[in-house]
Amino acid sequence: MNRTAGLVGVVALGLAASFALAAADAGDGGQEAGLVGYLAKDRVVELAAASDGSLVSFAPSAASLALFAAYVDPIHLRVFLCASRPADLAFAARLAKCVEAAANPVFSAEFVGVAADLSEPAALIGESAVTAAPEAVVYWMGAEIARLRPEGGGDAVDAALADLIQQARTRIAEEMILDNEFFRNVFHSDLLLDCKRCHGPR
C-alpha cells in the first residue's frame, strides 16, 4: 500500500475509532465522573473561564480563522490536559474556541483529561505516546502530522496551530510531489508548492 492510500484510507478508521472511544467513555459516565478521561468541549471552556475570566472573550485571529474554515480534508485535534492546572485549561479552551469559531465540519477536536503524573488514563496516554501535558496531537486525514504545546504559542495559540498545520501539510505534500494519486485525492491549492510539473507555469 502506498503512502497515498495510507493517508486517505485511514480517515474512516482513524477518526471513527477516536469517536467510538469517546462515545463509549461518555456512555459509562466518563465525562461526568471527574477530570480524567474524555471531557466535553463545553466543560473544558467552562472550567477555563472559571479560572481565567479573560478566556471568555478569546477568539482566533481573522488570518487563523480563514485557514481553519478553509480546510477540506479532515483535521482532528486530540488535546491532552491536566484539568486541575489553569494553564492547561487555558491552552485547551483556546483550541476549543478555534474549532468552534471555524464552524467547519472537517475541523474537530476531542479533549482528554489526564492525571498530573500522566498515570491515567493509561490506555489513551499510551496510544498517543504522550510524555507531557498539555499537548495537542494533530491528525490530517487520520494520520498524525504534528504536535503542539503551549510554549510554542502562548496566548496566540491559534496562530501557532494554523502555522503548524500549514507547515506539516506542505512538508508532506512536498514529499509526495511525484505521486499523482495523492494530489488527485488531497486538497492542496492552498499550499505553496511548485506545481508547474502538473499544472504548468502560473
N, C-alpha and C. Protein backbone atom coordinates (compact mmCIF):
# COMPACT_ATOMS: atom_id res chain seq x y z
N MET A 1 0.86 -1.19 0.00
CA MET A 1 0.00 0.00 0.00
C MET A 1 0.89 1.24 0.00
N ASN A 2 0.65 2.20 -0.92
CA ASN A 2 1.49 3.37 -0.95
C ASN A 2 1.04 4.38 0.09
N ARG A 3 1.82 5.47 0.22
CA ARG A 3 1.52 6.42 1.28
C ARG A 3 0.20 7.14 1.03
N THR A 4 -0.14 7.33 -0.23
CA THR A 4 -1.41 7.99 -0.55
C THR A 4 -2.57 7.20 0.02
N ALA A 5 -2.57 5.91 -0.26
CA ALA A 5 -3.65 5.07 0.24
C ALA A 5 -3.67 5.08 1.75
N GLY A 6 -2.46 5.12 2.35
CA GLY A 6 -2.41 5.14 3.80
C GLY A 6 -3.03 6.39 4.38
N LEU A 7 -2.70 7.56 3.78
CA LEU A 7 -3.24 8.81 4.30
C LEU A 7 -4.73 8.93 4.07
N VAL A 8 -5.17 8.60 2.85
CA VAL A 8 -6.58 8.78 2.52
C VAL A 8 -7.43 7.68 3.13
N GLY A 9 -6.90 6.45 3.12
CA GLY A 9 -7.70 5.31 3.53
C GLY A 9 -7.93 5.20 5.01
N VAL A 10 -7.09 5.87 5.83
CA VAL A 10 -7.25 5.71 7.27
C VAL A 10 -8.22 6.72 7.88
N VAL A 11 -8.83 7.57 7.06
CA VAL A 11 -9.73 8.58 7.60
C VAL A 11 -10.83 7.94 8.43
N ALA A 12 -11.56 7.03 7.79
CA ALA A 12 -12.69 6.41 8.48
C ALA A 12 -12.22 5.61 9.68
N LEU A 13 -11.12 4.86 9.50
CA LEU A 13 -10.65 4.01 10.60
C LEU A 13 -10.12 4.83 11.75
N GLY A 14 -9.24 5.82 11.43
CA GLY A 14 -8.61 6.59 12.49
C GLY A 14 -9.60 7.45 13.26
N LEU A 15 -10.37 8.27 12.54
CA LEU A 15 -11.28 9.16 13.22
C LEU A 15 -12.47 8.42 13.82
N ALA A 16 -12.97 7.41 13.11
CA ALA A 16 -14.11 6.66 13.64
C ALA A 16 -13.73 5.98 14.94
N ALA A 17 -12.51 5.43 15.00
CA ALA A 17 -12.07 4.77 16.23
C ALA A 17 -12.01 5.77 17.37
N SER A 18 -11.51 6.97 17.06
CA SER A 18 -11.41 8.01 18.07
C SER A 18 -12.78 8.37 18.62
N PHE A 19 -13.73 8.59 17.70
CA PHE A 19 -15.06 8.98 18.11
C PHE A 19 -15.76 7.84 18.84
N ALA A 20 -15.49 6.60 18.43
CA ALA A 20 -16.11 5.46 19.09
C ALA A 20 -15.64 5.37 20.54
N LEU A 21 -14.34 5.61 20.75
CA LEU A 21 -13.81 5.60 22.10
C LEU A 21 -14.47 6.69 22.94
N ALA A 22 -14.62 7.87 22.34
CA ALA A 22 -15.24 8.98 23.07
C ALA A 22 -16.67 8.65 23.43
N ALA A 23 -17.40 8.07 22.48
CA ALA A 23 -18.80 7.73 22.73
C ALA A 23 -18.92 6.68 23.82
N ALA A 24 -18.03 5.69 23.78
CA ALA A 24 -18.08 4.63 24.78
C ALA A 24 -17.81 5.19 26.16
N ASP A 25 -16.83 6.10 26.23
CA ASP A 25 -16.49 6.69 27.52
C ASP A 25 -17.64 7.53 28.04
N ALA A 26 -18.25 8.31 27.16
CA ALA A 26 -19.37 9.15 27.57
C ALA A 26 -20.54 8.29 28.03
N GLY A 27 -20.71 7.13 27.38
CA GLY A 27 -21.83 6.27 27.71
C GLY A 27 -21.77 5.73 29.11
N ASP A 28 -20.57 5.52 29.65
CA ASP A 28 -20.50 4.98 31.00
C ASP A 28 -20.27 6.07 32.04
N GLY A 29 -20.50 7.32 31.62
CA GLY A 29 -20.41 8.43 32.56
C GLY A 29 -19.02 8.97 32.73
N GLY A 30 -18.06 8.57 31.85
CA GLY A 30 -16.70 9.02 32.00
C GLY A 30 -16.53 10.52 31.96
N GLN A 31 -17.30 11.23 31.15
CA GLN A 31 -17.14 12.66 31.05
C GLN A 31 -17.59 13.37 32.32
N GLU A 32 -18.53 12.80 33.04
CA GLU A 32 -19.06 13.46 34.22
C GLU A 32 -18.41 12.94 35.51
N ALA A 33 -17.65 11.85 35.42
CA ALA A 33 -17.13 11.22 36.62
C ALA A 33 -16.03 12.04 37.28
N GLY A 34 -15.32 12.87 36.53
CA GLY A 34 -14.23 13.63 37.08
C GLY A 34 -13.47 14.34 35.99
N LEU A 35 -12.22 14.61 36.26
CA LEU A 35 -11.41 15.38 35.33
C LEU A 35 -10.38 14.52 34.62
N VAL A 36 -10.50 13.21 34.71
CA VAL A 36 -9.62 12.29 33.99
C VAL A 36 -10.45 11.50 33.00
N GLY A 37 -9.98 11.45 31.77
CA GLY A 37 -10.73 10.80 30.70
C GLY A 37 -11.27 11.84 29.74
N TYR A 38 -12.16 11.42 28.86
CA TYR A 38 -12.71 12.35 27.88
C TYR A 38 -13.52 13.44 28.57
N LEU A 39 -13.29 14.68 28.14
CA LEU A 39 -14.01 15.83 28.66
C LEU A 39 -14.75 16.51 27.52
N ALA A 40 -15.98 16.90 27.74
CA ALA A 40 -16.73 17.63 26.72
C ALA A 40 -16.09 18.99 26.48
N LYS A 41 -16.13 19.44 25.23
CA LYS A 41 -15.54 20.73 24.87
C LYS A 41 -16.12 21.86 25.72
N ASP A 42 -17.42 21.87 25.89
CA ASP A 42 -18.04 22.94 26.67
C ASP A 42 -17.57 22.93 28.12
N ARG A 43 -17.34 21.73 28.66
CA ARG A 43 -16.87 21.63 30.05
C ARG A 43 -15.47 22.20 30.17
N VAL A 44 -14.62 21.92 29.18
CA VAL A 44 -13.26 22.46 29.19
C VAL A 44 -13.31 23.98 29.18
N VAL A 45 -14.15 24.55 28.33
CA VAL A 45 -14.25 26.01 28.23
C VAL A 45 -14.80 26.59 29.53
N GLU A 46 -15.79 25.94 30.13
CA GLU A 46 -16.36 26.43 31.38
C GLU A 46 -15.33 26.41 32.51
N LEU A 47 -14.59 25.32 32.61
CA LEU A 47 -13.56 25.23 33.66
C LEU A 47 -12.49 26.28 33.46
N ALA A 48 -12.09 26.50 32.21
CA ALA A 48 -11.06 27.50 31.92
C ALA A 48 -11.56 28.91 32.25
N ALA A 49 -12.79 29.21 31.88
CA ALA A 49 -13.35 30.53 32.14
C ALA A 49 -13.49 30.79 33.64
N ALA A 50 -13.79 29.74 34.40
CA ALA A 50 -13.90 29.89 35.85
C ALA A 50 -12.55 30.22 36.47
N SER A 51 -11.48 29.75 35.83
CA SER A 51 -10.13 30.00 36.32
C SER A 51 -9.58 31.34 35.83
N ASP A 52 -9.96 31.72 34.60
CA ASP A 52 -9.47 32.95 33.99
C ASP A 52 -10.59 33.55 33.15
N GLY A 53 -11.24 34.56 33.68
CA GLY A 53 -12.40 35.15 33.02
C GLY A 53 -12.09 35.75 31.66
N SER A 54 -10.83 36.12 31.41
CA SER A 54 -10.49 36.73 30.12
C SER A 54 -10.65 35.77 28.96
N LEU A 55 -10.66 34.47 29.25
CA LEU A 55 -10.79 33.48 28.18
C LEU A 55 -12.16 33.52 27.51
N VAL A 56 -13.13 34.10 28.20
CA VAL A 56 -14.48 34.18 27.63
C VAL A 56 -14.47 34.96 26.32
N SER A 57 -13.62 35.97 26.25
CA SER A 57 -13.59 36.83 25.06
C SER A 57 -12.57 36.39 24.02
N PHE A 58 -11.87 35.29 24.26
CA PHE A 58 -10.86 34.86 23.29
C PHE A 58 -11.50 34.45 21.98
N ALA A 59 -10.87 34.86 20.88
CA ALA A 59 -11.30 34.44 19.55
C ALA A 59 -10.07 34.36 18.66
N PRO A 60 -10.02 33.40 17.74
CA PRO A 60 -8.87 33.32 16.84
C PRO A 60 -8.80 34.54 15.94
N SER A 61 -7.59 34.87 15.50
CA SER A 61 -7.42 36.00 14.59
C SER A 61 -8.11 35.72 13.26
N ALA A 62 -8.36 36.77 12.50
CA ALA A 62 -9.02 36.61 11.20
C ALA A 62 -8.19 35.74 10.28
N ALA A 63 -6.86 35.89 10.33
CA ALA A 63 -5.99 35.10 9.45
C ALA A 63 -6.05 33.62 9.81
N SER A 64 -5.99 33.32 11.10
CA SER A 64 -6.06 31.92 11.53
C SER A 64 -7.42 31.33 11.22
N LEU A 65 -8.46 32.09 11.49
CA LEU A 65 -9.82 31.60 11.26
C LEU A 65 -10.06 31.29 9.78
N ALA A 66 -9.50 32.11 8.90
CA ALA A 66 -9.66 31.86 7.46
C ALA A 66 -9.05 30.52 7.07
N LEU A 67 -7.90 30.18 7.66
CA LEU A 67 -7.27 28.89 7.36
C LEU A 67 -8.10 27.74 7.93
N PHE A 68 -8.54 27.87 9.18
CA PHE A 68 -9.33 26.81 9.79
C PHE A 68 -10.63 26.55 9.01
N ALA A 69 -11.27 27.62 8.59
CA ALA A 69 -12.55 27.50 7.90
C ALA A 69 -12.40 26.92 6.50
N ALA A 70 -11.20 27.00 5.94
CA ALA A 70 -10.99 26.57 4.56
C ALA A 70 -10.56 25.11 4.43
N TYR A 71 -10.32 24.43 5.55
CA TYR A 71 -9.89 23.03 5.45
C TYR A 71 -10.92 22.21 4.69
N VAL A 72 -10.42 21.34 3.82
CA VAL A 72 -11.28 20.45 3.03
C VAL A 72 -11.12 19.00 3.49
N ASP A 73 -9.89 18.59 3.75
CA ASP A 73 -9.62 17.24 4.24
C ASP A 73 -9.58 17.28 5.78
N PRO A 74 -10.02 16.21 6.43
CA PRO A 74 -10.21 16.24 7.89
C PRO A 74 -8.95 16.58 8.69
N ILE A 75 -9.11 17.55 9.58
CA ILE A 75 -8.11 17.90 10.58
C ILE A 75 -8.74 17.64 11.95
N HIS A 76 -8.08 16.84 12.76
CA HIS A 76 -8.62 16.50 14.07
C HIS A 76 -7.55 16.72 15.13
N LEU A 77 -7.96 17.30 16.25
CA LEU A 77 -7.06 17.54 17.38
C LEU A 77 -7.45 16.63 18.54
N ARG A 78 -6.46 15.97 19.11
CA ARG A 78 -6.68 15.25 20.37
C ARG A 78 -5.84 15.99 21.41
N VAL A 79 -6.53 16.67 22.31
CA VAL A 79 -5.88 17.57 23.26
C VAL A 79 -5.81 16.92 24.64
N PHE A 80 -4.60 16.77 25.15
CA PHE A 80 -4.39 16.22 26.48
C PHE A 80 -4.11 17.37 27.45
N LEU A 81 -4.76 17.35 28.60
CA LEU A 81 -4.59 18.42 29.57
C LEU A 81 -4.82 17.89 30.98
N CYS A 82 -4.17 18.52 31.93
CA CYS A 82 -4.45 18.26 33.33
C CYS A 82 -5.42 19.35 33.78
N ALA A 83 -6.67 18.97 33.97
CA ALA A 83 -7.73 19.96 34.19
C ALA A 83 -7.66 20.65 35.54
N SER A 84 -6.75 20.23 36.40
CA SER A 84 -6.56 20.92 37.67
C SER A 84 -5.54 22.06 37.54
N ARG A 85 -4.94 22.20 36.36
CA ARG A 85 -3.95 23.25 36.14
C ARG A 85 -4.54 24.33 35.23
N PRO A 86 -4.63 25.57 35.70
CA PRO A 86 -5.21 26.65 34.90
C PRO A 86 -4.54 26.84 33.55
N ALA A 87 -3.22 26.69 33.49
CA ALA A 87 -2.53 26.90 32.21
C ALA A 87 -2.94 25.85 31.19
N ASP A 88 -3.12 24.62 31.63
CA ASP A 88 -3.58 23.56 30.73
C ASP A 88 -4.98 23.87 30.22
N LEU A 89 -5.85 24.31 31.13
CA LEU A 89 -7.22 24.64 30.74
C LEU A 89 -7.25 25.78 29.74
N ALA A 90 -6.40 26.79 29.95
CA ALA A 90 -6.37 27.93 29.03
C ALA A 90 -5.95 27.49 27.64
N PHE A 91 -4.93 26.67 27.55
CA PHE A 91 -4.45 26.15 26.26
C PHE A 91 -5.56 25.38 25.56
N ALA A 92 -6.20 24.46 26.29
CA ALA A 92 -7.24 23.63 25.69
C ALA A 92 -8.46 24.46 25.29
N ALA A 93 -8.83 25.42 26.13
CA ALA A 93 -10.01 26.23 25.83
C ALA A 93 -9.80 27.08 24.58
N ARG A 94 -8.61 27.60 24.41
CA ARG A 94 -8.33 28.39 23.19
C ARG A 94 -8.45 27.52 21.95
N LEU A 95 -7.96 26.29 22.03
CA LEU A 95 -8.11 25.37 20.89
C LEU A 95 -9.58 25.06 20.65
N ALA A 96 -10.33 24.86 21.72
CA ALA A 96 -11.76 24.58 21.57
C ALA A 96 -12.47 25.74 20.88
N LYS A 97 -12.10 26.95 21.24
CA LYS A 97 -12.72 28.12 20.63
C LYS A 97 -12.32 28.29 19.17
N CYS A 98 -11.12 27.85 18.82
CA CYS A 98 -10.70 27.88 17.41
C CYS A 98 -11.59 26.96 16.58
N VAL A 99 -11.81 25.76 17.09
CA VAL A 99 -12.65 24.79 16.37
C VAL A 99 -14.08 25.30 16.28
N GLU A 100 -14.58 25.83 17.38
CA GLU A 100 -15.96 26.32 17.39
C GLU A 100 -16.14 27.49 16.42
N ALA A 101 -15.19 28.42 16.42
CA ALA A 101 -15.31 29.60 15.56
C ALA A 101 -15.23 29.23 14.09
N ALA A 102 -14.43 28.22 13.76
CA ALA A 102 -14.27 27.83 12.36
C ALA A 102 -15.57 27.28 11.78
N ALA A 103 -16.36 26.63 12.60
CA ALA A 103 -17.64 26.04 12.15
C ALA A 103 -17.45 25.23 10.88
N ASN A 104 -16.36 24.47 10.85
CA ASN A 104 -16.01 23.66 9.68
C ASN A 104 -16.17 22.19 10.08
N PRO A 105 -17.05 21.44 9.43
CA PRO A 105 -17.31 20.05 9.86
C PRO A 105 -16.10 19.12 9.76
N VAL A 106 -15.08 19.50 8.98
CA VAL A 106 -13.90 18.63 8.87
C VAL A 106 -12.82 19.03 9.87
N PHE A 107 -13.06 20.06 10.68
CA PHE A 107 -12.11 20.53 11.68
C PHE A 107 -12.71 20.24 13.05
N SER A 108 -12.13 19.28 13.78
CA SER A 108 -12.74 18.81 15.02
C SER A 108 -11.69 18.65 16.12
N ALA A 109 -12.18 18.44 17.33
CA ALA A 109 -11.27 18.26 18.47
C ALA A 109 -11.94 17.41 19.54
N GLU A 110 -11.12 16.70 20.28
CA GLU A 110 -11.55 15.97 21.47
C GLU A 110 -10.56 16.29 22.58
N PHE A 111 -11.02 16.18 23.81
CA PHE A 111 -10.22 16.61 24.95
C PHE A 111 -10.13 15.48 25.97
N VAL A 112 -8.90 15.22 26.40
CA VAL A 112 -8.64 14.12 27.33
C VAL A 112 -7.99 14.68 28.59
N GLY A 113 -8.69 14.57 29.71
CA GLY A 113 -8.12 14.97 30.97
C GLY A 113 -7.17 13.90 31.49
N VAL A 114 -6.01 14.32 31.98
CA VAL A 114 -5.00 13.37 32.46
C VAL A 114 -4.63 13.69 33.90
N ALA A 115 -4.12 12.69 34.59
CA ALA A 115 -3.57 12.90 35.92
C ALA A 115 -2.28 13.71 35.81
N ALA A 116 -1.96 14.45 36.84
CA ALA A 116 -0.77 15.31 36.81
C ALA A 116 0.50 14.52 36.54
N ASP A 117 0.54 13.27 37.01
CA ASP A 117 1.73 12.44 36.79
C ASP A 117 1.61 11.57 35.54
N LEU A 118 0.58 11.80 34.74
CA LEU A 118 0.34 11.06 33.49
C LEU A 118 0.12 9.56 33.72
N SER A 119 -0.37 9.21 34.90
CA SER A 119 -0.63 7.80 35.17
C SER A 119 -1.98 7.35 34.61
N GLU A 120 -2.89 8.28 34.42
CA GLU A 120 -4.23 7.98 33.91
C GLU A 120 -4.66 9.07 32.92
N PRO A 121 -5.48 8.69 31.94
CA PRO A 121 -5.92 7.35 31.54
C PRO A 121 -4.82 6.65 30.75
N ALA A 122 -4.33 5.56 31.29
CA ALA A 122 -3.13 4.91 30.75
C ALA A 122 -3.28 4.50 29.29
N ALA A 123 -4.43 3.97 28.91
CA ALA A 123 -4.61 3.48 27.54
C ALA A 123 -4.49 4.61 26.53
N LEU A 124 -5.16 5.73 26.78
CA LEU A 124 -5.12 6.84 25.83
C LEU A 124 -3.76 7.51 25.80
N ILE A 125 -3.14 7.63 26.97
CA ILE A 125 -1.80 8.23 27.03
C ILE A 125 -0.80 7.36 26.27
N GLY A 126 -0.90 6.04 26.47
CA GLY A 126 -0.01 5.13 25.76
C GLY A 126 -0.27 5.12 24.27
N GLU A 127 -1.53 5.14 23.88
CA GLU A 127 -1.89 5.10 22.47
C GLU A 127 -1.33 6.30 21.71
N SER A 128 -1.33 7.47 22.36
CA SER A 128 -0.83 8.68 21.71
C SER A 128 0.60 9.02 22.11
N ALA A 129 1.25 8.15 22.89
CA ALA A 129 2.64 8.35 23.31
C ALA A 129 2.86 9.74 23.91
N VAL A 130 1.98 10.12 24.82
CA VAL A 130 2.07 11.43 25.46
C VAL A 130 3.09 11.38 26.58
N THR A 131 4.01 12.34 26.58
CA THR A 131 5.04 12.40 27.62
C THR A 131 4.96 13.67 28.44
N ALA A 132 4.09 14.59 28.03
CA ALA A 132 3.90 15.83 28.77
C ALA A 132 2.54 16.40 28.43
N ALA A 133 1.99 17.17 29.36
CA ALA A 133 0.71 17.83 29.11
C ALA A 133 0.82 19.27 29.60
N PRO A 134 0.15 20.21 28.93
CA PRO A 134 -0.80 19.97 27.85
C PRO A 134 -0.11 19.74 26.51
N GLU A 135 -0.80 19.03 25.66
CA GLU A 135 -0.28 18.76 24.32
C GLU A 135 -1.46 18.45 23.40
N ALA A 136 -1.40 18.98 22.18
CA ALA A 136 -2.42 18.68 21.17
C ALA A 136 -1.77 17.86 20.07
N VAL A 137 -2.32 16.68 19.83
CA VAL A 137 -1.87 15.82 18.74
C VAL A 137 -2.74 16.16 17.53
N VAL A 138 -2.09 16.49 16.41
CA VAL A 138 -2.80 16.94 15.22
C VAL A 138 -2.82 15.82 14.19
N TYR A 139 -4.02 15.49 13.72
CA TYR A 139 -4.20 14.45 12.70
C TYR A 139 -4.73 15.08 11.41
N TRP A 140 -4.18 14.66 10.31
CA TRP A 140 -4.66 15.08 8.99
C TRP A 140 -5.09 13.81 8.26
N MET A 141 -6.36 13.71 7.93
CA MET A 141 -6.91 12.53 7.27
C MET A 141 -6.61 11.26 8.06
N GLY A 142 -6.65 11.36 9.37
CA GLY A 142 -6.48 10.21 10.24
C GLY A 142 -5.06 9.88 10.63
N ALA A 143 -4.08 10.55 10.03
CA ALA A 143 -2.67 10.27 10.34
C ALA A 143 -2.07 11.43 11.13
N GLU A 144 -1.30 11.12 12.17
CA GLU A 144 -0.67 12.17 12.95
C GLU A 144 0.35 12.92 12.10
N ILE A 145 0.29 14.25 12.15
CA ILE A 145 1.24 15.05 11.38
C ILE A 145 2.04 16.02 12.24
N ALA A 146 1.58 16.31 13.46
CA ALA A 146 2.30 17.29 14.28
C ALA A 146 1.77 17.27 15.70
N ARG A 147 2.50 17.96 16.58
CA ARG A 147 2.07 18.13 17.97
C ARG A 147 2.32 19.57 18.37
N LEU A 148 1.41 20.08 19.19
CA LEU A 148 1.52 21.47 19.64
C LEU A 148 1.49 21.51 21.16
N ARG A 149 2.43 22.28 21.72
CA ARG A 149 2.45 22.55 23.16
C ARG A 149 2.40 24.05 23.36
N PRO A 150 1.94 24.52 24.51
CA PRO A 150 1.71 25.96 24.68
C PRO A 150 2.95 26.82 24.58
N GLU A 151 4.12 26.27 24.89
CA GLU A 151 5.31 27.10 24.83
C GLU A 151 5.57 27.61 23.42
N GLY A 152 4.98 26.95 22.43
CA GLY A 152 5.15 27.40 21.05
C GLY A 152 4.12 28.42 20.64
N GLY A 153 3.10 28.67 21.48
CA GLY A 153 2.05 29.55 21.05
C GLY A 153 1.67 30.63 22.04
N GLY A 154 1.69 30.31 23.34
CA GLY A 154 1.26 31.27 24.34
C GLY A 154 -0.18 31.67 24.10
N ASP A 155 -0.44 32.97 24.24
CA ASP A 155 -1.80 33.47 24.00
C ASP A 155 -2.20 33.34 22.54
N ALA A 156 -1.23 33.36 21.64
CA ALA A 156 -1.51 33.28 20.20
C ALA A 156 -1.52 31.83 19.73
N VAL A 157 -2.17 30.96 20.51
CA VAL A 157 -2.18 29.54 20.17
C VAL A 157 -2.87 29.29 18.84
N ASP A 158 -3.81 30.16 18.46
CA ASP A 158 -4.49 29.99 17.18
C ASP A 158 -3.52 30.14 16.02
N ALA A 159 -2.66 31.15 16.09
CA ALA A 159 -1.68 31.36 15.02
C ALA A 159 -0.65 30.23 15.01
N ALA A 160 -0.24 29.79 16.20
CA ALA A 160 0.73 28.69 16.28
C ALA A 160 0.15 27.42 15.67
N LEU A 161 -1.12 27.14 15.96
CA LEU A 161 -1.77 25.94 15.42
C LEU A 161 -1.93 26.05 13.91
N ALA A 162 -2.39 27.19 13.42
CA ALA A 162 -2.59 27.37 11.98
C ALA A 162 -1.27 27.20 11.24
N ASP A 163 -0.20 27.81 11.77
CA ASP A 163 1.11 27.70 11.12
C ASP A 163 1.61 26.26 11.15
N LEU A 164 1.44 25.60 12.28
CA LEU A 164 1.92 24.22 12.42
C LEU A 164 1.24 23.30 11.42
N ILE A 165 -0.07 23.43 11.29
CA ILE A 165 -0.82 22.58 10.35
C ILE A 165 -0.41 22.88 8.92
N GLN A 166 -0.27 24.16 8.60
CA GLN A 166 0.09 24.53 7.23
C GLN A 166 1.48 24.00 6.87
N GLN A 167 2.42 24.12 7.81
CA GLN A 167 3.78 23.65 7.57
C GLN A 167 3.82 22.13 7.42
N ALA A 168 3.08 21.43 8.27
CA ALA A 168 3.08 19.96 8.21
C ALA A 168 2.45 19.47 6.92
N ARG A 169 1.34 20.07 6.51
CA ARG A 169 0.69 19.67 5.25
C ARG A 169 1.60 19.95 4.06
N THR A 170 2.28 21.10 4.10
CA THR A 170 3.19 21.44 3.00
C THR A 170 4.35 20.45 2.93
N ARG A 171 4.91 20.12 4.09
CA ARG A 171 6.03 19.17 4.11
C ARG A 171 5.63 17.83 3.51
N ILE A 172 4.47 17.33 3.91
CA ILE A 172 4.01 16.03 3.40
C ILE A 172 3.74 16.12 1.90
N ALA A 173 3.11 17.20 1.47
CA ALA A 173 2.83 17.37 0.04
C ALA A 173 4.11 17.43 -0.78
N GLU A 174 5.14 18.08 -0.24
CA GLU A 174 6.42 18.15 -0.94
C GLU A 174 7.05 16.76 -1.05
N GLU A 175 6.89 15.96 0.00
CA GLU A 175 7.42 14.59 -0.04
C GLU A 175 6.69 13.74 -1.07
N MET A 176 5.43 14.08 -1.34
CA MET A 176 4.60 13.30 -2.25
C MET A 176 4.49 13.94 -3.63
N ILE A 177 5.37 14.89 -3.95
CA ILE A 177 5.21 15.73 -5.13
C ILE A 177 5.14 14.93 -6.43
N LEU A 178 5.69 13.74 -6.48
CA LEU A 178 5.65 12.94 -7.70
C LEU A 178 4.51 11.93 -7.71
N ASP A 179 3.68 11.95 -6.69
CA ASP A 179 2.59 10.98 -6.58
C ASP A 179 1.29 11.62 -7.06
N ASN A 180 0.93 11.38 -8.31
CA ASN A 180 -0.27 12.00 -8.87
C ASN A 180 -1.54 11.57 -8.13
N GLU A 181 -1.57 10.33 -7.68
CA GLU A 181 -2.76 9.84 -6.98
C GLU A 181 -3.00 10.63 -5.70
N PHE A 182 -1.92 10.94 -5.00
CA PHE A 182 -2.04 11.73 -3.77
C PHE A 182 -2.71 13.06 -4.06
N PHE A 183 -2.25 13.75 -5.09
CA PHE A 183 -2.78 15.08 -5.37
C PHE A 183 -4.17 15.04 -6.00
N ARG A 184 -4.55 13.92 -6.57
CA ARG A 184 -5.92 13.79 -7.07
C ARG A 184 -6.90 13.67 -5.91
N ASN A 185 -6.44 13.12 -4.80
CA ASN A 185 -7.32 12.84 -3.66
C ASN A 185 -7.22 13.85 -2.53
N VAL A 186 -6.22 14.70 -2.56
CA VAL A 186 -5.96 15.60 -1.44
C VAL A 186 -6.03 17.06 -1.90
N PHE A 187 -6.81 17.86 -1.19
CA PHE A 187 -6.89 19.29 -1.48
C PHE A 187 -5.55 19.93 -1.16
N HIS A 188 -5.02 20.72 -2.10
CA HIS A 188 -3.69 21.29 -1.88
C HIS A 188 -3.51 22.66 -2.51
N SER A 189 -4.56 23.25 -3.05
CA SER A 189 -4.39 24.52 -3.74
C SER A 189 -4.03 25.66 -2.79
N ASP A 190 -4.20 25.46 -1.48
CA ASP A 190 -3.83 26.50 -0.52
C ASP A 190 -2.38 26.38 -0.06
N LEU A 191 -1.65 25.40 -0.56
CA LEU A 191 -0.26 25.19 -0.15
C LEU A 191 0.70 25.82 -1.15
N LEU A 192 1.83 26.30 -0.65
CA LEU A 192 2.84 26.90 -1.51
C LEU A 192 3.74 25.80 -2.06
N LEU A 193 3.35 25.27 -3.22
CA LEU A 193 4.08 24.17 -3.84
C LEU A 193 4.48 24.55 -5.26
N ASP A 194 5.52 23.91 -5.75
CA ASP A 194 5.91 24.08 -7.15
C ASP A 194 5.10 23.10 -7.98
N CYS A 195 4.01 23.59 -8.54
CA CYS A 195 3.07 22.72 -9.25
C CYS A 195 3.23 22.79 -10.77
N LYS A 196 4.33 23.34 -11.24
CA LYS A 196 4.49 23.50 -12.69
C LYS A 196 4.51 22.17 -13.42
N ARG A 197 5.00 21.12 -12.75
CA ARG A 197 5.09 19.83 -13.42
C ARG A 197 3.71 19.33 -13.84
N CYS A 198 2.71 19.60 -13.01
CA CYS A 198 1.36 19.12 -13.31
C CYS A 198 0.49 20.18 -13.98
N HIS A 199 0.62 21.42 -13.53
CA HIS A 199 -0.31 22.46 -13.97
C HIS A 199 0.31 23.46 -14.93
N GLY A 200 1.62 23.39 -15.14
CA GLY A 200 2.28 24.37 -15.98
C GLY A 200 2.55 25.65 -15.20
N PRO A 201 3.25 26.62 -15.81
CA PRO A 201 3.58 27.87 -15.11
C PRO A 201 2.32 28.61 -14.68
N ARG A 202 2.38 29.26 -13.52
CA ARG A 202 1.24 30.05 -13.04
C ARG A 202 1.48 31.52 -13.34
